[in-house]
Amino acid sequence: MQLQLVSITSQGQLTIPKDFREALGITSQIKAEIKLEGGKMVVKPRTDFWSLGGSLKSKIKLTDKQLRQAKKAFETSWAEK
């Protein structure tokens, strides 16, 4: 991958070039970790649990209502532990 020059706005925003996003599999809005390392800014894409929806194959099919009920039941049982 080639070095590319990007602009950083006065509000600290920058645009990640399309070929970088494609190489990292970024197709929608995500969170990222950012840190300073040896005088460099390192940005690491992060996926959260909820962004993984649909990424695993399953024979289980739930309606939105059933999914909300299952999530609520999980939250309740998890809180009790």
Foldseek 3Di string as FASTA:
>chain_A
DDDDDWDQDPVGDIDDDPVVCVVVVNDDDFDWDWDADPNDIDIGTDHDPVVCPPVDDDPDDDDPVRVVVVVVVVVVVVVVD
